[in-house]
Amino acid sequence: MKTVILDEAILELHEAVDYYEELLDGLGTRFRDEANAIVRWIQNNPETLRIRSVGYRRANFKTFPYFIPYVVREKTIWILAFAHTSRKPHYWIERGKRA
């Protein structure tokens, strides 16, 4: 199955990595590594997580207060965001309509 990470999501990932790296040397790397591991898990298990009421699935980070919302359309996984759990809820929801 093909995976597409939206440009906005890539930017969010880089911003979060930079933020955590400024807090503590190496913490940004840990964030990026966890994000990459979650994306790989999604790629291997795209339909395991339940579909939420608005039509997306959500994979939570274990260490950081973030999650990855995504949708599966035909044979493509669309990563919509790297979203903080308590900031601007559902700001990325419109992205799912473009996927």
N, C-alpha and C. Protein backbone atom coordinates (compact mmCIF):
# COMPACT_ATOMS: atom_id res chain seq x y z
N MET A 1 0.84 -1.18 0.00
CA MET A 1 0.00 0.00 0.00
C MET A 1 0.89 1.25 0.00
N LYS A 2 0.52 2.21 -0.81
CA LYS A 2 1.26 3.47 -0.93
C LYS A 2 0.94 4.38 0.27
N THR A 3 1.93 5.15 0.72
CA THR A 3 1.73 6.11 1.80
C THR A 3 2.08 7.51 1.31
N VAL A 4 1.18 8.46 1.57
CA VAL A 4 1.42 9.86 1.23
C VAL A 4 1.33 10.66 2.51
N ILE A 5 2.39 11.40 2.81
CA ILE A 5 2.38 12.31 3.96
C ILE A 5 2.19 13.71 3.40
N LEU A 6 1.10 14.35 3.77
CA LEU A 6 0.81 15.68 3.25
C LEU A 6 1.91 16.66 3.62
N ASP A 7 2.14 17.63 2.74
CA ASP A 7 3.20 18.62 2.97
C ASP A 7 3.03 19.33 4.31
N GLU A 8 1.79 19.66 4.66
CA GLU A 8 1.54 20.33 5.94
C GLU A 8 1.97 19.45 7.11
N ALA A 9 1.73 18.14 6.97
CA ALA A 9 2.12 17.21 8.03
C ALA A 9 3.64 17.12 8.15
N ILE A 10 4.33 17.12 7.03
CA ILE A 10 5.80 17.09 7.06
C ILE A 10 6.33 18.33 7.77
N LEU A 11 5.74 19.47 7.47
CA LEU A 11 6.15 20.72 8.14
C LEU A 11 5.90 20.62 9.65
N GLU A 12 4.76 20.09 10.04
CA GLU A 12 4.47 19.92 11.48
C GLU A 12 5.47 19.00 12.15
N LEU A 13 5.84 17.94 11.46
CA LEU A 13 6.83 17.02 12.01
C LEU A 13 8.16 17.74 12.24
N HIS A 14 8.62 18.48 11.25
CA HIS A 14 9.89 19.20 11.38
C HIS A 14 9.82 20.24 12.50
N GLU A 15 8.70 20.94 12.60
CA GLU A 15 8.56 21.95 13.66
C GLU A 15 8.60 21.30 15.05
N ALA A 16 7.93 20.16 15.20
CA ALA A 16 7.92 19.47 16.49
C ALA A 16 9.32 18.94 16.83
N VAL A 17 10.01 18.39 15.85
CA VAL A 17 11.38 17.90 16.08
C VAL A 17 12.26 19.06 16.54
N ASP A 18 12.17 20.20 15.84
CA ASP A 18 12.98 21.36 16.21
C ASP A 18 12.64 21.85 17.62
N TYR A 19 11.35 21.89 17.94
CA TYR A 19 10.91 22.35 19.26
C TYR A 19 11.51 21.45 20.36
N TYR A 20 11.36 20.14 20.21
CA TYR A 20 11.85 19.23 21.24
C TYR A 20 13.37 19.22 21.32
N GLU A 21 14.03 19.42 20.18
CA GLU A 21 15.49 19.45 20.18
C GLU A 21 15.99 20.69 20.92
N GLU A 22 15.25 21.79 20.83
CA GLU A 22 15.63 23.00 21.58
C GLU A 22 15.43 22.80 23.08
N LEU A 23 14.44 22.02 23.45
CA LEU A 23 14.21 21.75 24.88
C LEU A 23 15.34 20.93 25.49
N LEU A 24 15.75 19.91 24.75
CA LEU A 24 16.77 19.01 25.29
C LEU A 24 17.47 18.32 24.12
N ASP A 25 18.77 18.38 24.10
CA ASP A 25 19.55 17.76 23.04
C ASP A 25 19.19 16.28 22.93
N GLY A 26 18.80 15.85 21.74
CA GLY A 26 18.44 14.45 21.51
C GLY A 26 16.95 14.18 21.60
N LEU A 27 16.19 15.07 22.24
CA LEU A 27 14.75 14.83 22.40
C LEU A 27 14.02 14.94 21.07
N GLY A 28 14.46 15.84 20.21
CA GLY A 28 13.87 15.95 18.88
C GLY A 28 14.10 14.69 18.07
N THR A 29 15.28 14.11 18.22
CA THR A 29 15.58 12.86 17.53
C THR A 29 14.66 11.75 18.02
N ARG A 30 14.43 11.71 19.33
CA ARG A 30 13.51 10.70 19.89
C ARG A 30 12.10 10.88 19.35
N PHE A 31 11.67 12.15 19.23
CA PHE A 31 10.34 12.43 18.67
C PHE A 31 10.28 11.92 17.23
N ARG A 32 11.28 12.26 16.41
CA ARG A 32 11.29 11.84 15.01
C ARG A 32 11.30 10.32 14.90
N ASP A 33 12.10 9.66 15.74
CA ASP A 33 12.17 8.20 15.71
C ASP A 33 10.83 7.57 16.05
N GLU A 34 10.15 8.13 17.06
CA GLU A 34 8.84 7.59 17.43
C GLU A 34 7.84 7.84 16.31
N ALA A 35 7.88 9.02 15.70
CA ALA A 35 6.98 9.33 14.58
C ALA A 35 7.20 8.34 13.44
N ASN A 36 8.46 8.10 13.09
CA ASN A 36 8.76 7.15 12.02
C ASN A 36 8.29 5.74 12.35
N ALA A 37 8.44 5.34 13.60
CA ALA A 37 7.98 4.01 14.01
C ALA A 37 6.46 3.90 13.90
N ILE A 38 5.75 4.96 14.27
CA ILE A 38 4.29 4.94 14.17
C ILE A 38 3.86 4.89 12.71
N VAL A 39 4.51 5.66 11.86
CA VAL A 39 4.16 5.62 10.43
C VAL A 39 4.39 4.21 9.88
N ARG A 40 5.49 3.58 10.25
CA ARG A 40 5.74 2.19 9.80
C ARG A 40 4.65 1.25 10.32
N TRP A 41 4.24 1.45 11.58
CA TRP A 41 3.18 0.61 12.14
C TRP A 41 1.88 0.81 11.35
N ILE A 42 1.55 2.07 11.05
CA ILE A 42 0.36 2.36 10.26
C ILE A 42 0.45 1.65 8.90
N GLN A 43 1.61 1.72 8.27
CA GLN A 43 1.79 1.09 6.96
C GLN A 43 1.56 -0.42 7.03
N ASN A 44 1.94 -1.04 8.12
CA ASN A 44 1.77 -2.49 8.28
C ASN A 44 0.39 -2.88 8.80
N ASN A 45 -0.33 -1.92 9.39
CA ASN A 45 -1.63 -2.20 10.01
C ASN A 45 -2.63 -1.09 9.70
N PRO A 46 -2.81 -0.73 8.45
CA PRO A 46 -3.58 0.48 8.13
C PRO A 46 -5.04 0.47 8.58
N GLU A 47 -5.63 -0.69 8.67
CA GLU A 47 -7.06 -0.75 9.00
C GLU A 47 -7.33 -1.30 10.40
N THR A 48 -6.30 -1.43 11.21
CA THR A 48 -6.46 -1.97 12.56
C THR A 48 -7.20 -1.01 13.48
N LEU A 49 -6.84 0.26 13.44
CA LEU A 49 -7.45 1.25 14.33
C LEU A 49 -8.85 1.60 13.85
N ARG A 50 -9.72 1.91 14.80
CA ARG A 50 -11.11 2.20 14.46
C ARG A 50 -11.24 3.52 13.70
N ILE A 51 -12.27 3.59 12.90
CA ILE A 51 -12.58 4.82 12.19
C ILE A 51 -13.36 5.72 13.15
N ARG A 52 -12.88 6.92 13.33
CA ARG A 52 -13.53 7.89 14.22
C ARG A 52 -14.74 8.50 13.52
N SER A 53 -15.56 9.20 14.28
CA SER A 53 -16.84 9.71 13.77
C SER A 53 -16.70 10.61 12.54
N VAL A 54 -15.58 11.29 12.40
CA VAL A 54 -15.40 12.20 11.27
C VAL A 54 -14.74 11.48 10.08
N GLY A 55 -14.43 10.18 10.23
CA GLY A 55 -13.94 9.40 9.11
C GLY A 55 -12.45 9.19 9.03
N TYR A 56 -11.72 9.42 10.10
CA TYR A 56 -10.28 9.22 10.09
C TYR A 56 -9.90 8.19 11.15
N ARG A 57 -8.70 7.71 11.07
CA ARG A 57 -8.13 6.83 12.10
C ARG A 57 -7.03 7.61 12.81
N ARG A 58 -6.69 7.20 14.00
CA ARG A 58 -5.73 7.96 14.81
C ARG A 58 -4.77 7.01 15.52
N ALA A 59 -3.47 7.26 15.32
CA ALA A 59 -2.42 6.49 16.01
C ALA A 59 -1.73 7.43 16.99
N ASN A 60 -1.75 7.06 18.25
CA ASN A 60 -1.18 7.90 19.31
C ASN A 60 0.30 7.61 19.54
N PHE A 61 1.04 8.68 19.83
CA PHE A 61 2.41 8.52 20.29
C PHE A 61 2.36 7.94 21.70
N LYS A 62 3.38 7.21 22.10
CA LYS A 62 3.44 6.67 23.46
C LYS A 62 4.14 7.63 24.41
N THR A 63 5.13 8.38 23.92
CA THR A 63 5.97 9.21 24.77
C THR A 63 5.60 10.68 24.74
N PHE A 64 5.09 11.15 23.63
CA PHE A 64 4.82 12.57 23.43
C PHE A 64 3.32 12.81 23.29
N PRO A 65 2.84 14.02 23.61
CA PRO A 65 1.40 14.31 23.52
C PRO A 65 0.98 14.62 22.08
N TYR A 66 1.19 13.68 21.19
CA TYR A 66 0.89 13.83 19.77
C TYR A 66 0.17 12.60 19.26
N PHE A 67 -0.46 12.76 18.11
CA PHE A 67 -1.07 11.63 17.41
C PHE A 67 -0.97 11.88 15.91
N ILE A 68 -1.16 10.82 15.16
CA ILE A 68 -1.12 10.91 13.71
C ILE A 68 -2.50 10.52 13.17
N PRO A 69 -3.26 11.49 12.68
CA PRO A 69 -4.53 11.16 12.03
C PRO A 69 -4.25 10.76 10.57
N TYR A 70 -4.97 9.75 10.11
CA TYR A 70 -4.78 9.30 8.73
C TYR A 70 -6.07 8.71 8.18
N VAL A 71 -6.14 8.65 6.86
CA VAL A 71 -7.26 8.01 6.18
C VAL A 71 -6.70 7.02 5.18
N VAL A 72 -7.49 6.00 4.89
CA VAL A 72 -7.14 5.02 3.86
C VAL A 72 -8.14 5.17 2.74
N ARG A 73 -7.65 5.50 1.56
CA ARG A 73 -8.48 5.65 0.37
C ARG A 73 -7.94 4.69 -0.69
N GLU A 74 -8.76 3.73 -1.04
CA GLU A 74 -8.37 2.70 -2.00
C GLU A 74 -7.06 2.06 -1.55
N LYS A 75 -5.97 2.24 -2.27
CA LYS A 75 -4.71 1.61 -1.89
C LYS A 75 -3.68 2.62 -1.42
N THR A 76 -4.16 3.71 -0.82
CA THR A 76 -3.26 4.76 -0.35
C THR A 76 -3.58 5.14 1.09
N ILE A 77 -2.54 5.24 1.91
CA ILE A 77 -2.65 5.77 3.27
C ILE A 77 -2.26 7.23 3.19
N TRP A 78 -3.13 8.10 3.67
CA TRP A 78 -2.87 9.54 3.67
C TRP A 78 -2.62 9.99 5.11
N ILE A 79 -1.39 10.40 5.42
CA ILE A 79 -1.06 10.94 6.73
C ILE A 79 -1.45 12.41 6.70
N LEU A 80 -2.40 12.79 7.56
CA LEU A 80 -2.96 14.14 7.51
C LEU A 80 -2.21 15.14 8.37
N ALA A 81 -1.63 14.69 9.48
CA ALA A 81 -0.99 15.64 10.40
C ALA A 81 -0.15 14.88 11.42
N PHE A 82 0.71 15.63 12.07
CA PHE A 82 1.37 15.22 13.30
C PHE A 82 0.82 16.21 14.32
N ALA A 83 -0.25 15.84 14.98
CA ALA A 83 -1.06 16.77 15.75
C ALA A 83 -0.83 16.64 17.25
N HIS A 84 -0.74 17.77 17.92
CA HIS A 84 -0.64 17.81 19.38
C HIS A 84 -2.02 17.48 19.95
N THR A 85 -2.06 16.75 21.04
CA THR A 85 -3.34 16.29 21.58
C THR A 85 -4.20 17.38 22.18
N SER A 86 -3.60 18.52 22.56
CA SER A 86 -4.42 19.54 23.21
C SER A 86 -4.33 20.92 22.55
N ARG A 87 -3.81 20.99 21.36
CA ARG A 87 -3.74 22.27 20.64
C ARG A 87 -4.62 22.22 19.41
N LYS A 88 -5.38 23.26 19.19
CA LYS A 88 -6.21 23.42 18.00
C LYS A 88 -6.87 22.11 17.56
N PRO A 89 -7.83 21.62 18.31
CA PRO A 89 -8.43 20.33 17.95
C PRO A 89 -9.03 20.35 16.54
N HIS A 90 -8.76 19.32 15.83
CA HIS A 90 -9.31 19.07 14.48
C HIS A 90 -8.98 20.13 13.44
N TYR A 91 -7.93 20.93 13.64
CA TYR A 91 -7.55 21.94 12.64
C TYR A 91 -7.22 21.29 11.30
N TRP A 92 -6.82 20.05 11.30
CA TRP A 92 -6.36 19.32 10.12
C TRP A 92 -7.48 18.57 9.42
N ILE A 93 -8.69 18.59 9.96
CA ILE A 93 -9.76 17.73 9.48
C ILE A 93 -10.09 17.96 8.00
N GLU A 94 -10.00 19.19 7.55
CA GLU A 94 -10.29 19.49 6.14
C GLU A 94 -9.29 18.82 5.20
N ARG A 95 -8.11 18.53 5.70
CA ARG A 95 -7.09 17.88 4.88
C ARG A 95 -7.56 16.50 4.41
N GLY A 96 -8.37 15.85 5.23
CA GLY A 96 -8.86 14.53 4.88
C GLY A 96 -9.76 14.55 3.66
N LYS A 97 -10.40 15.65 3.40
CA LYS A 97 -11.27 15.76 2.21
C LYS A 97 -10.47 15.85 0.93
N ARG A 98 -9.21 16.29 1.02
CA ARG A 98 -8.35 16.36 -0.15
C ARG A 98 -7.69 15.03 -0.46
N ALA A 99 -7.64 14.15 0.54
CA ALA A 99 -6.94 12.87 0.38
C ALA A 99 -7.74 11.91 -0.49
